[in-house]
């Protein structure tokens, strides 16, 4: 099992919306991928409530059977489409993938 975690710091305003509005849009877009990409075993997107400057705004926690499935997910047209929006509203991104 591969666990794929991504965290984003969002721009204060982007794509005509506030950081808070864009966080909700990211959550909706990414969680909707579960019904569109078969290799996703689970996906959860959380919106941060920690007010620390060190905290990131949105976190993705997803699971895949193996690295091939993760690669398929990352290259799927629906993921790429969602990623275009996420990239447009993001200031900084960090990622970790690990074997469970």
PDB file of N, CA and C in Angstrom:
ATOM      1  N   UNK A   1       0.857  -1.179   0.000  1.00  0.00           N
ATOM      2  CA  UNK A   1       0.000   0.000   0.000  1.00  0.00           C
ATOM      3  C   UNK A   1       0.900   1.239   0.000  1.00  0.00           C
ATOM      4  N   UNK A   2       0.572   2.201  -0.847  1.00  0.00           N
ATOM      5  CA  UNK A   2       1.279   3.479  -0.911  1.00  0.00           C
ATOM      6  C   UNK A   2       0.375   4.575  -0.349  1.00  0.00           C
ATOM      7  N   UNK A   3       0.909   5.320   0.585  1.00  0.00           N
ATOM      8  CA  UNK A   3       0.210   6.474   1.129  1.00  0.00           C
ATOM      9  C   UNK A   3       0.807   7.713   0.460  1.00  0.00           C
ATOM     10  N   UNK A   4      -0.052   8.540  -0.095  1.00  0.00           N
ATOM     11  CA  UNK A   4       0.348   9.749  -0.823  1.00  0.00           C
ATOM     12  C   UNK A   4      -0.237  10.944  -0.080  1.00  0.00           C
ATOM     13  N   UNK A   5       0.640  11.782   0.464  1.00  0.00           N
ATOM     14  CA  UNK A   5       0.209  12.950   1.232  1.00  0.00           C
ATOM     15  C   UNK A   5       0.756  14.209   0.561  1.00  0.00           C
ATOM     16  N   UNK A   6      -0.116  15.183   0.361  1.00  0.00           N
ATOM     17  CA  UNK A   6       0.286  16.467  -0.217  1.00  0.00           C
ATOM     18  C   UNK A   6      -0.317  17.569   0.650  1.00  0.00           C
ATOM     19  N   UNK A   7       0.480  18.616   0.881  1.00  0.00           N
ATOM     20  CA  UNK A   7      -0.018  19.779   1.612  1.00  0.00           C
ATOM     21  C   UNK A   7       0.261  21.031   0.789  1.00  0.00           C
ATOM     22  N   UNK A   8      -0.699  21.958   0.828  1.00  0.00           N
ATOM     23  CA  UNK A   8      -0.578  23.196   0.072  1.00  0.00           C
ATOM     24  C   UNK A   8      -0.768  24.406   0.959  1.00  0.00           C
ATOM     25  N   UNK A   9       0.039  25.450   0.715  1.00  0.00           N
ATOM     26  CA  UNK A   9      -0.226  26.796   1.220  1.00  0.00           C
ATOM     27  C   UNK A   9      -0.838  27.534   0.046  1.00  0.00           C
ATOM     28  N   UNK A  10      -1.961  28.152   0.279  1.00  0.00           N
ATOM     29  CA  UNK A  10      -2.686  28.816  -0.793  1.00  0.00           C
ATOM     30  C   UNK A  10      -2.399  30.311  -0.826  1.00  0.00           C
ATOM     31  N   UNK A  11      -2.557  30.883  -2.023  1.00  0.00           N
ATOM     32  CA  UNK A  11      -2.470  32.331  -2.190  1.00  0.00           C
ATOM     33  C   UNK A  11      -3.660  32.963  -1.473  1.00  0.00           C
ATOM     34  N   UNK A  12      -3.479  34.159  -0.943  1.00  0.00           N
ATOM     35  CA  UNK A  12      -4.569  34.840  -0.226  1.00  0.00           C
ATOM     36  C   UNK A  12      -5.782  35.036  -1.131  1.00  0.00           C
ATOM     37  N   UNK A  13      -5.532  35.389  -2.398  1.00  0.00           N
ATOM     38  CA  UNK A  13      -6.588  35.550  -3.394  1.00  0.00           C
ATOM     39  C   UNK A  13      -6.061  34.995  -4.708  1.00  0.00           C
ATOM     40  N   UNK A  14      -6.865  34.182  -5.371  1.00  0.00           N
ATOM     41  CA  UNK A  14      -6.476  33.622  -6.670  1.00  0.00           C
ATOM     42  C   UNK A  14      -7.723  33.151  -7.395  1.00  0.00           C
ATOM     43  N   UNK A  15      -7.687  33.243  -8.715  1.00  0.00           N
ATOM     44  CA  UNK A  15      -8.809  32.788  -9.545  1.00  0.00           C
ATOM     45  C   UNK A  15     -10.123  33.431  -9.107  1.00  0.00           C
ATOM     46  N   UNK A  16     -10.035  34.687  -8.643  1.00  0.00           N
ATOM     47  CA  UNK A  16     -11.229  35.435  -8.259  1.00  0.00           C
ATOM     48  C   UNK A  16     -11.862  35.012  -6.944  1.00  0.00           C
ATOM     49  N   UNK A  17     -11.127  34.280  -6.121  1.00  0.00           N
ATOM     50  CA  UNK A  17     -11.703  33.797  -4.858  1.00  0.00           C
ATOM     51  C   UNK A  17     -10.675  33.913  -3.733  1.00  0.00           C
ATOM     52  N   UNK A  18     -11.180  33.896  -2.509  1.00  0.00           N
ATOM     53  CA  UNK A  18     -10.309  33.951  -1.331  1.00  0.00           C
ATOM     54  C   UNK A  18      -9.656  32.596  -1.084  1.00  0.00           C
ATOM     55  N   UNK A  19      -8.653  32.612  -0.227  1.00  0.00           N
ATOM     56  CA  UNK A  19      -7.971  31.375   0.168  1.00  0.00           C
ATOM     57  C   UNK A  19      -8.974  30.366   0.736  1.00  0.00           C
ATOM     58  N   UNK A  20      -9.870  30.832   1.557  1.00  0.00           N
ATOM     59  CA  UNK A  20     -10.856  29.939   2.173  1.00  0.00           C
ATOM     60  C   UNK A  20     -11.790  29.329   1.134  1.00  0.00           C
ATOM     61  N   UNK A  21     -12.239  30.136   0.189  1.00  0.00           N
ATOM     62  CA  UNK A  21     -13.108  29.630  -0.880  1.00  0.00           C
ATOM     63  C   UNK A  21     -12.364  28.621  -1.757  1.00  0.00           C
ATOM     64  N   UNK A  22     -11.116  28.918  -2.053  1.00  0.00           N
ATOM     65  CA  UNK A  22     -10.337  27.998  -2.883  1.00  0.00           C
ATOM     66  C   UNK A  22     -10.016  26.696  -2.163  1.00  0.00           C
ATOM     67  N   UNK A  23      -9.854  26.745  -0.857  1.00  0.00           N
ATOM     68  CA  UNK A  23      -9.640  25.519  -0.084  1.00  0.00           C
ATOM     69  C   UNK A  23     -10.845  24.584  -0.238  1.00  0.00           C
ATOM     70  N   UNK A  24     -12.029  25.128  -0.167  1.00  0.00           N
ATOM     71  CA  UNK A  24     -13.248  24.328  -0.333  1.00  0.00           C
ATOM     72  C   UNK A  24     -13.317  23.761  -1.755  1.00  0.00           C
ATOM     73  N   UNK A  25     -12.972  24.566  -2.744  1.00  0.00           N
ATOM     74  CA  UNK A  25     -12.986  24.090  -4.129  1.00  0.00           C
ATOM     75  C   UNK A  25     -11.986  22.956  -4.337  1.00  0.00           C
ATOM     76  N   UNK A  26     -10.793  23.090  -3.744  1.00  0.00           N
ATOM     77  CA  UNK A  26      -9.795  22.020  -3.847  1.00  0.00           C
ATOM     78  C   UNK A  26     -10.340  20.736  -3.239  1.00  0.00           C
ATOM     79  N   UNK A  27     -10.911  20.840  -2.057  1.00  0.00           N
ATOM     80  CA  UNK A  27     -11.481  19.664  -1.386  1.00  0.00           C
ATOM     81  C   UNK A  27     -12.517  18.986  -2.283  1.00  0.00           C
ATOM     82  N   UNK A  28     -13.423  19.765  -2.848  1.00  0.00           N
ATOM     83  CA  UNK A  28     -14.468  19.200  -3.704  1.00  0.00           C
ATOM     84  C   UNK A  28     -13.886  18.542  -4.951  1.00  0.00           C
ATOM     85  N   UNK A  29     -12.952  19.224  -5.610  1.00  0.00           N
ATOM     86  CA  UNK A  29     -12.374  18.700  -6.847  1.00  0.00           C
ATOM     87  C   UNK A  29     -11.586  17.411  -6.605  1.00  0.00           C
ATOM     88  N   UNK A  30     -10.769  17.395  -5.558  1.00  0.00           N
ATOM     89  CA  UNK A  30      -9.940  16.216  -5.311  1.00  0.00           C
ATOM     90  C   UNK A  30     -10.762  15.030  -4.801  1.00  0.00           C
ATOM     91  N   UNK A  31     -11.696  15.277  -3.898  1.00  0.00           N
ATOM     92  CA  UNK A  31     -12.508  14.161  -3.403  1.00  0.00           C
ATOM     93  C   UNK A  31     -13.412  13.591  -4.487  1.00  0.00           C
ATOM     94  N   UNK A  32     -13.790  14.394  -5.472  1.00  0.00           N
ATOM     95  CA  UNK A  32     -14.604  13.910  -6.592  1.00  0.00           C
ATOM     96  C   UNK A  32     -13.826  12.930  -7.478  1.00  0.00           C
ATOM     97  N   UNK A  33     -12.500  12.945  -7.395  1.00  0.00           N
ATOM     98  CA  UNK A  33     -11.693  12.034  -8.211  1.00  0.00           C
ATOM     99  C   UNK A  33     -11.919  10.570  -7.843  1.00  0.00           C
ATOM    100  N   UNK A  34     -12.365  10.302  -6.628  1.00  0.00           N
ATOM    101  CA  UNK A  34     -12.604   8.922  -6.185  1.00  0.00           C
ATOM    102  C   UNK A  34     -13.577   8.203  -7.112  1.00  0.00           C
ATOM    103  N   UNK A  35     -14.575   8.924  -7.626  1.00  0.00           N
ATOM    104  CA  UNK A  35     -15.568   8.328  -8.518  1.00  0.00           C
ATOM    105  C   UNK A  35     -15.104   8.291  -9.974  1.00  0.00           C
ATOM    106  N   UNK A  36     -13.966   8.911 -10.273  1.00  0.00           N
ATOM    107  CA  UNK A  36     -13.500   9.020 -11.653  1.00  0.00           C
ATOM    108  C   UNK A  36     -12.236   8.222 -11.949  1.00  0.00           C
ATOM    109  N   UNK A  37     -11.472   7.878 -10.903  1.00  0.00           N
ATOM    110  CA  UNK A  37     -10.194   7.192 -11.088  1.00  0.00           C
ATOM    111  C   UNK A  37     -10.207   5.926 -10.240  1.00  0.00           C
ATOM    112  N   UNK A  38     -10.301   4.785 -10.893  1.00  0.00           N
ATOM    113  CA  UNK A  38     -10.490   3.507 -10.201  1.00  0.00           C
ATOM    114  C   UNK A  38      -9.359   3.121  -9.251  1.00  0.00           C
ATOM    115  N   UNK A  39      -8.136   3.535  -9.528  1.00  0.00           N
ATOM    116  CA  UNK A  39      -7.000   3.079  -8.721  1.00  0.00           C
ATOM    117  C   UNK A  39      -6.925   3.727  -7.346  1.00  0.00           C
ATOM    118  N   UNK A  40      -7.747   4.737  -7.087  1.00  0.00           N
ATOM    119  CA  UNK A  40      -7.758   5.376  -5.762  1.00  0.00           C
ATOM    120  C   UNK A  40      -8.450   4.432  -4.783  1.00  0.00           C
ATOM    121  N   UNK A  41      -7.720   4.015  -3.761  1.00  0.00           N
ATOM    122  CA  UNK A  41      -8.311   3.170  -2.718  1.00  0.00           C
ATOM    123  C   UNK A  41      -9.062   4.021  -1.699  1.00  0.00           C
ATOM    124  N   UNK A  42      -8.482   5.144  -1.339  1.00  0.00           N
ATOM    125  CA  UNK A  42      -9.162   6.096  -0.463  1.00  0.00           C
ATOM    126  C   UNK A  42      -8.566   7.469  -0.704  1.00  0.00           C
ATOM    127  N   UNK A  43      -9.375   8.489  -0.439  1.00  0.00           N
ATOM    128  CA  UNK A  43      -8.903   9.863  -0.597  1.00  0.00           C
ATOM    129  C   UNK A  43      -9.657  10.730   0.409  1.00  0.00           C
ATOM    130  N   UNK A  44      -8.897  11.577   1.066  1.00  0.00           N
ATOM    131  CA  UNK A  44      -9.479  12.499   2.044  1.00  0.00           C
ATOM    132  C   UNK A  44      -8.745  13.822   1.916  1.00  0.00           C
ATOM    133  N   UNK A  45      -9.489  14.901   1.936  1.00  0.00           N
ATOM    134  CA  UNK A  45      -8.901  16.236   1.869  1.00  0.00           C
ATOM    135  C   UNK A  45      -9.382  17.016   3.083  1.00  0.00           C
ATOM    136  N   UNK A  46      -8.422  17.570   3.816  1.00  0.00           N
ATOM    137  CA  UNK A  46      -8.759  18.345   5.006  1.00  0.00           C
ATOM    138  C   UNK A  46      -8.373  19.800   4.836  1.00  0.00           C
ATOM    139  N   UNK A  47      -9.177  20.666   5.426  1.00  0.00           N
ATOM    140  CA  UNK A  47      -8.904  22.099   5.423  1.00  0.00           C
ATOM    141  C   UNK A  47      -8.415  22.476   6.819  1.00  0.00           C
ATOM    142  N   UNK A  48      -7.262  23.099   6.858  1.00  0.00           N
ATOM    143  CA  UNK A  48      -6.588  23.429   8.110  1.00  0.00           C
ATOM    144  C   UNK A  48      -7.403  24.357   9.009  1.00  0.00           C
ATOM    145  N   UNK A  49      -7.308  24.122  10.317  1.00  0.00           N
ATOM    146  CA  UNK A  49      -7.907  25.015  11.309  1.00  0.00           C
ATOM    147  C   UNK A  49      -6.844  25.591  12.252  1.00  0.00           C
ATOM    148  N   UNK A  50      -5.585  25.201  12.051  1.00  0.00           N
ATOM    149  CA  UNK A  50      -4.473  25.681  12.863  1.00  0.00           C
ATOM    150  C   UNK A  50      -4.039  27.048  12.349  1.00  0.00           C
ATOM    151  N   UNK A  51      -3.996  28.053  13.203  1.00  0.00           N
ATOM    152  CA  UNK A  51      -3.697  29.422  12.781  1.00  0.00           C
ATOM    153  C   UNK A  51      -2.205  29.748  12.741  1.00  0.00           C
ATOM    154  N   UNK A  52      -1.347  28.790  13.019  1.00  0.00           N
ATOM    155  CA  UNK A  52       0.097  29.008  12.995  1.00  0.00           C
ATOM    156  C   UNK A  52       0.574  29.357  11.583  1.00  0.00           C
ATOM    157  N   UNK A  53       1.569  30.242  11.487  1.00  0.00           N
ATOM    158  CA  UNK A  53       2.167  30.569  10.192  1.00  0.00           C
ATOM    159  C   UNK A  53       2.844  29.349   9.561  1.00  0.00           C
ATOM    160  N   UNK A  54       3.211  28.378  10.367  1.00  0.00           N
ATOM    161  CA  UNK A  54       3.877  27.174   9.869  1.00  0.00           C
ATOM    162  C   UNK A  54       2.883  26.183   9.260  1.00  0.00           C
ATOM    163  N   UNK A  55       1.609  26.345   9.533  1.00  0.00           N
ATOM    164  CA  UNK A  55       0.590  25.392   9.073  1.00  0.00           C
ATOM    165  C   UNK A  55       0.305  25.587   7.588  1.00  0.00           C
ATOM    166  N   UNK A  56       0.009  24.481   6.929  1.00  0.00           N
ATOM    167  CA  UNK A  56      -0.433  24.513   5.538  1.00  0.00           C
ATOM    168  C   UNK A  56      -1.964  24.613   5.518  1.00  0.00           C
ATOM    169  N   UNK A  57      -2.518  25.042   4.397  1.00  0.00           N
ATOM    170  CA  UNK A  57      -3.948  25.327   4.326  1.00  0.00           C
ATOM    171  C   UNK A  57      -4.815  24.122   3.997  1.00  0.00           C
ATOM    172  N   UNK A  58      -4.302  23.225   3.155  1.00  0.00           N
ATOM    173  CA  UNK A  58      -5.069  22.064   2.702  1.00  0.00           C
ATOM    174  C   UNK A  58      -4.143  20.857   2.705  1.00  0.00           C
ATOM    175  N   UNK A  59      -4.682  19.704   3.094  1.00  0.00           N
ATOM    176  CA  UNK A  59      -3.902  18.469   3.060  1.00  0.00           C
ATOM    177  C   UNK A  59      -4.702  17.370   2.357  1.00  0.00           C
ATOM    178  N   UNK A  60      -3.999  16.606   1.540  1.00  0.00           N
ATOM    179  CA  UNK A  60      -4.563  15.440   0.857  1.00  0.00           C
ATOM    180  C   UNK A  60      -3.913  14.196   1.434  1.00  0.00           C
ATOM    181  N   UNK A  61      -4.729  13.209   1.786  1.00  0.00           N
ATOM    182  CA  UNK A  61      -4.235  11.905   2.228  1.00  0.00           C
ATOM    183  C   UNK A  61      -4.943  10.872   1.358  1.00  0.00           C
ATOM    184  N   UNK A  62      -4.177  10.160   0.533  1.00  0.00           N
ATOM    185  CA  UNK A  62      -4.778   9.171  -0.362  1.00  0.00           C
ATOM    186  C   UNK A  62      -3.973   7.882  -0.336  1.00  0.00           C
ATOM    187  N   UNK A  63      -4.632   6.789  -0.734  1.00  0.00           N
ATOM    188  CA  UNK A  63      -3.998   5.465  -0.698  1.00  0.00           C
ATOM    189  C   UNK A  63      -4.156   4.761  -2.034  1.00  0.00           C
ATOM    190  N   UNK A  64      -3.089   4.024  -2.399  1.00  0.00           N
ATOM    191  CA  UNK A  64      -3.035   3.283  -3.657  1.00  0.00           C
ATOM    192  C   UNK A  64      -2.396   1.923  -3.392  1.00  0.00           C
ATOM    193  N   UNK A  65      -2.724   0.951  -4.222  1.00  0.00           N
ATOM    194  CA  UNK A  65      -2.172  -0.394  -4.037  1.00  0.00           C
ATOM    195  C   UNK A  65      -0.656  -0.435  -4.173  1.00  0.00           C
ATOM    196  N   UNK A  66      -0.114   0.358  -5.109  1.00  0.00           N
ATOM    197  CA  UNK A  66       1.323   0.304  -5.389  1.00  0.00           C
ATOM    198  C   UNK A  66       1.736   1.580  -6.133  1.00  0.00           C
ATOM    199  N   UNK A  67       3.026   1.680  -6.432  1.00  0.00           N
ATOM    200  CA  UNK A  67       3.533   2.867  -7.119  1.00  0.00           C
ATOM    201  C   UNK A  67       2.982   2.999  -8.531  1.00  0.00           C
ATOM    202  N   UNK A  68       2.722   1.876  -9.201  1.00  0.00           N
ATOM    203  CA  UNK A  68       2.130   1.942 -10.539  1.00  0.00           C
ATOM    204  C   UNK A  68       0.742   2.587 -10.488  1.00  0.00           C
ATOM    205  N   UNK A  69      -0.032   2.240  -9.478  1.00  0.00           N
ATOM    206  CA  UNK A  69      -1.368   2.833  -9.330  1.00  0.00           C
ATOM    207  C   UNK A  69      -1.266   4.328  -9.024  1.00  0.00           C
ATOM    208  N   UNK A  70      -0.314   4.704  -8.176  1.00  0.00           N
ATOM    209  CA  UNK A  70      -0.106   6.125  -7.889  1.00  0.00           C
ATOM    210  C   UNK A  70       0.271   6.874  -9.165  1.00  0.00           C
ATOM    211  N   UNK A  71       1.148   6.282  -9.959  1.00  0.00           N
ATOM    212  CA  UNK A  71       1.560   6.900 -11.220  1.00  0.00           C
ATOM    213  C   UNK A  71       0.371   7.035 -12.179  1.00  0.00           C
ATOM    214  N   UNK A  72      -0.470   6.009 -12.234  1.00  0.00           N
ATOM    215  CA  UNK A  72      -1.667   6.070 -13.078  1.00  0.00           C
ATOM    216  C   UNK A  72      -2.583   7.216 -12.639  1.00  0.00           C
ATOM    217  N   UNK A  73      -2.766   7.344 -11.340  1.00  0.00           N
ATOM    218  CA  UNK A  73      -3.567   8.441 -10.776  1.00  0.00           C
ATOM    219  C   UNK A  73      -2.985   9.795 -11.161  1.00  0.00           C
ATOM    220  N   UNK A  74      -1.677   9.948 -10.980  1.00  0.00           N
ATOM    221  CA  UNK A  74      -1.048  11.240 -11.221  1.00  0.00           C
ATOM    222  C   UNK A  74      -1.092  11.651 -12.693  1.00  0.00           C
ATOM    223  N   UNK A  75      -1.167  10.682 -13.589  1.00  0.00           N
ATOM    224  CA  UNK A  75      -1.196  10.967 -15.018  1.00  0.00           C
ATOM    225  C   UNK A  75      -2.589  10.889 -15.632  1.00  0.00           C
ATOM    226  N   UNK A  76      -3.594  10.619 -14.817  1.00  0.00           N
ATOM    227  CA  UNK A  76      -4.969  10.530 -15.302  1.00  0.00           C
ATOM    228  C   UNK A  76      -5.453  11.929 -15.702  1.00  0.00           C
ATOM    229  N   UNK A  77      -6.154  12.055 -16.829  1.00  0.00           N
ATOM    230  CA  UNK A  77      -6.631  13.371 -17.279  1.00  0.00           C
ATOM    231  C   UNK A  77      -7.476  14.120 -16.247  1.00  0.00           C
ATOM    232  N   UNK A  78      -8.276  13.419 -15.465  1.00  0.00           N
ATOM    233  CA  UNK A  78      -9.102  14.091 -14.443  1.00  0.00           C
ATOM    234  C   UNK A  78      -8.233  14.663 -13.324  1.00  0.00           C
ATOM    235  N   UNK A  79      -7.172  13.945 -12.950  1.00  0.00           N
ATOM    236  CA  UNK A  79      -6.243  14.448 -11.935  1.00  0.00           C
ATOM    237  C   UNK A  79      -5.495  15.660 -12.472  1.00  0.00           C
ATOM    238  N   UNK A  80      -5.060  15.586 -13.700  1.00  0.00           N
ATOM    239  CA  UNK A  80      -4.344  16.703 -14.312  1.00  0.00           C
ATOM    240  C   UNK A  80      -5.237  17.939 -14.367  1.00  0.00           C
ATOM    241  N   UNK A  81      -6.490  17.742 -14.727  1.00  0.00           N
ATOM    242  CA  UNK A  81      -7.450  18.854 -14.782  1.00  0.00           C
ATOM    243  C   UNK A  81      -7.614  19.496 -13.397  1.00  0.00           C
ATOM    244  N   UNK A  82      -7.811  18.689 -12.365  1.00  0.00           N
ATOM    245  CA  UNK A  82      -7.940  19.213 -11.001  1.00  0.00           C
ATOM    246  C   UNK A  82      -6.646  19.897 -10.585  1.00  0.00           C
ATOM    247  N   UNK A  83      -5.524  19.302 -10.955  1.00  0.00           N
ATOM    248  CA  UNK A  83      -4.227  19.852 -10.600  1.00  0.00           C
ATOM    249  C   UNK A  83      -3.956  21.221 -11.203  1.00  0.00           C
ATOM    250  N   UNK A  84      -4.528  21.493 -12.352  1.00  0.00           N
ATOM    251  CA  UNK A  84      -4.356  22.812 -12.964  1.00  0.00           C
ATOM    252  C   UNK A  84      -4.967  23.899 -12.078  1.00  0.00           C
ATOM    253  N   UNK A  85      -6.152  23.622 -11.537  1.00  0.00           N
ATOM    254  CA  UNK A  85      -6.769  24.589 -10.627  1.00  0.00           C
ATOM    255  C   UNK A  85      -5.947  24.713  -9.349  1.00  0.00           C
ATOM    256  N   UNK A  86      -5.572  23.570  -8.777  1.00  0.00           N
ATOM    257  CA  UNK A  86      -4.807  23.587  -7.533  1.00  0.00           C
ATOM    258  C   UNK A  86      -3.518  24.387  -7.722  1.00  0.00           C
ATOM    259  N   UNK A  87      -2.827  24.156  -8.822  1.00  0.00           N
ATOM    260  CA  UNK A  87      -1.591  24.877  -9.093  1.00  0.00           C
ATOM    261  C   UNK A  87      -1.789  26.374  -9.226  1.00  0.00           C
ATOM    262  N   UNK A  88      -2.919  26.771  -9.781  1.00  0.00           N
ATOM    263  CA  UNK A  88      -3.195  28.195  -9.989  1.00  0.00           C
ATOM    264  C   UNK A  88      -3.449  28.943  -8.683  1.00  0.00           C
ATOM    265  N   UNK A  89      -3.881  28.241  -7.646  1.00  0.00           N
ATOM    266  CA  UNK A  89      -4.220  28.902  -6.379  1.00  0.00           C
ATOM    267  C   UNK A  89      -3.196  28.638  -5.279  1.00  0.00           C
ATOM    268  N   UNK A  90      -2.138  27.897  -5.626  1.00  0.00           N
ATOM    269  CA  UNK A  90      -1.155  27.460  -4.634  1.00  0.00           C
ATOM    270  C   UNK A  90       0.088  28.338  -4.625  1.00  0.00           C
ATOM    271  N   UNK A  91       0.554  28.611  -3.424  1.00  0.00           N
ATOM    272  CA  UNK A  91       1.793  29.353  -3.208  1.00  0.00           C
ATOM    273  C   UNK A  91       2.964  28.390  -2.987  1.00  0.00           C
ATOM    274  N   UNK A  92       2.694  27.291  -2.259  1.00  0.00           N
ATOM    275  CA  UNK A  92       3.750  26.331  -1.908  1.00  0.00           C
ATOM    276  C   UNK A  92       3.124  24.957  -1.740  1.00  0.00           C
ATOM    277  N   UNK A  93       3.904  23.909  -2.085  1.00  0.00           N
ATOM    278  CA  UNK A  93       3.405  22.528  -2.020  1.00  0.00           C
ATOM    279  C   UNK A  93       4.498  21.628  -1.473  1.00  0.00           C
ATOM    280  N   UNK A  94       4.122  20.689  -0.621  1.00  0.00           N
ATOM    281  CA  UNK A  94       5.039  19.642  -0.174  1.00  0.00           C
ATOM    282  C   UNK A  94       4.334  18.299  -0.322  1.00  0.00           C
ATOM    283  N   UNK A  95       5.115  17.247  -0.521  1.00  0.00           N
ATOM    284  CA  UNK A  95       4.542  15.929  -0.758  1.00  0.00           C
ATOM    285  C   UNK A  95       5.399  14.863  -0.085  1.00  0.00           C
ATOM    286  N   UNK A  96       4.763  13.764   0.317  1.00  0.00           N
ATOM    287  CA  UNK A  96       5.454  12.588   0.826  1.00  0.00           C
ATOM    288  C   UNK A  96       4.673  11.359   0.379  1.00  0.00           C
ATOM    289  N   UNK A  97       5.392  10.357  -0.091  1.00  0.00           N
ATOM    290  CA  UNK A  97       4.817   9.065  -0.455  1.00  0.00           C
ATOM    291  C   UNK A  97       5.555   8.018   0.358  1.00  0.00           C
ATOM    292  N   UNK A  98       4.823   7.098   0.982  1.00  0.00           N
ATOM    293  CA  UNK A  98       5.488   6.069   1.746  1.00  0.00           C
ATOM    294  C   UNK A  98       4.735   4.755   1.663  1.00  0.00           C
ATOM    295  N   UNK A  99       5.451   3.686   1.956  1.00  0.00           N
ATOM    296  CA  UNK A  99       4.870   2.339   1.922  1.00  0.00           C
ATOM    297  C   UNK A  99       4.301   2.044   3.296  1.00  0.00           C
ATOM    298  N   UNK A 100       3.080   1.543   3.304  1.00  0.00           N
ATOM    299  CA  UNK A 100       2.431   1.178   4.566  1.00  0.00           C
ATOM    300  C   UNK A 100       2.499  -0.323   4.724  1.00  0.00           C
TER     301      UNK A 100
END
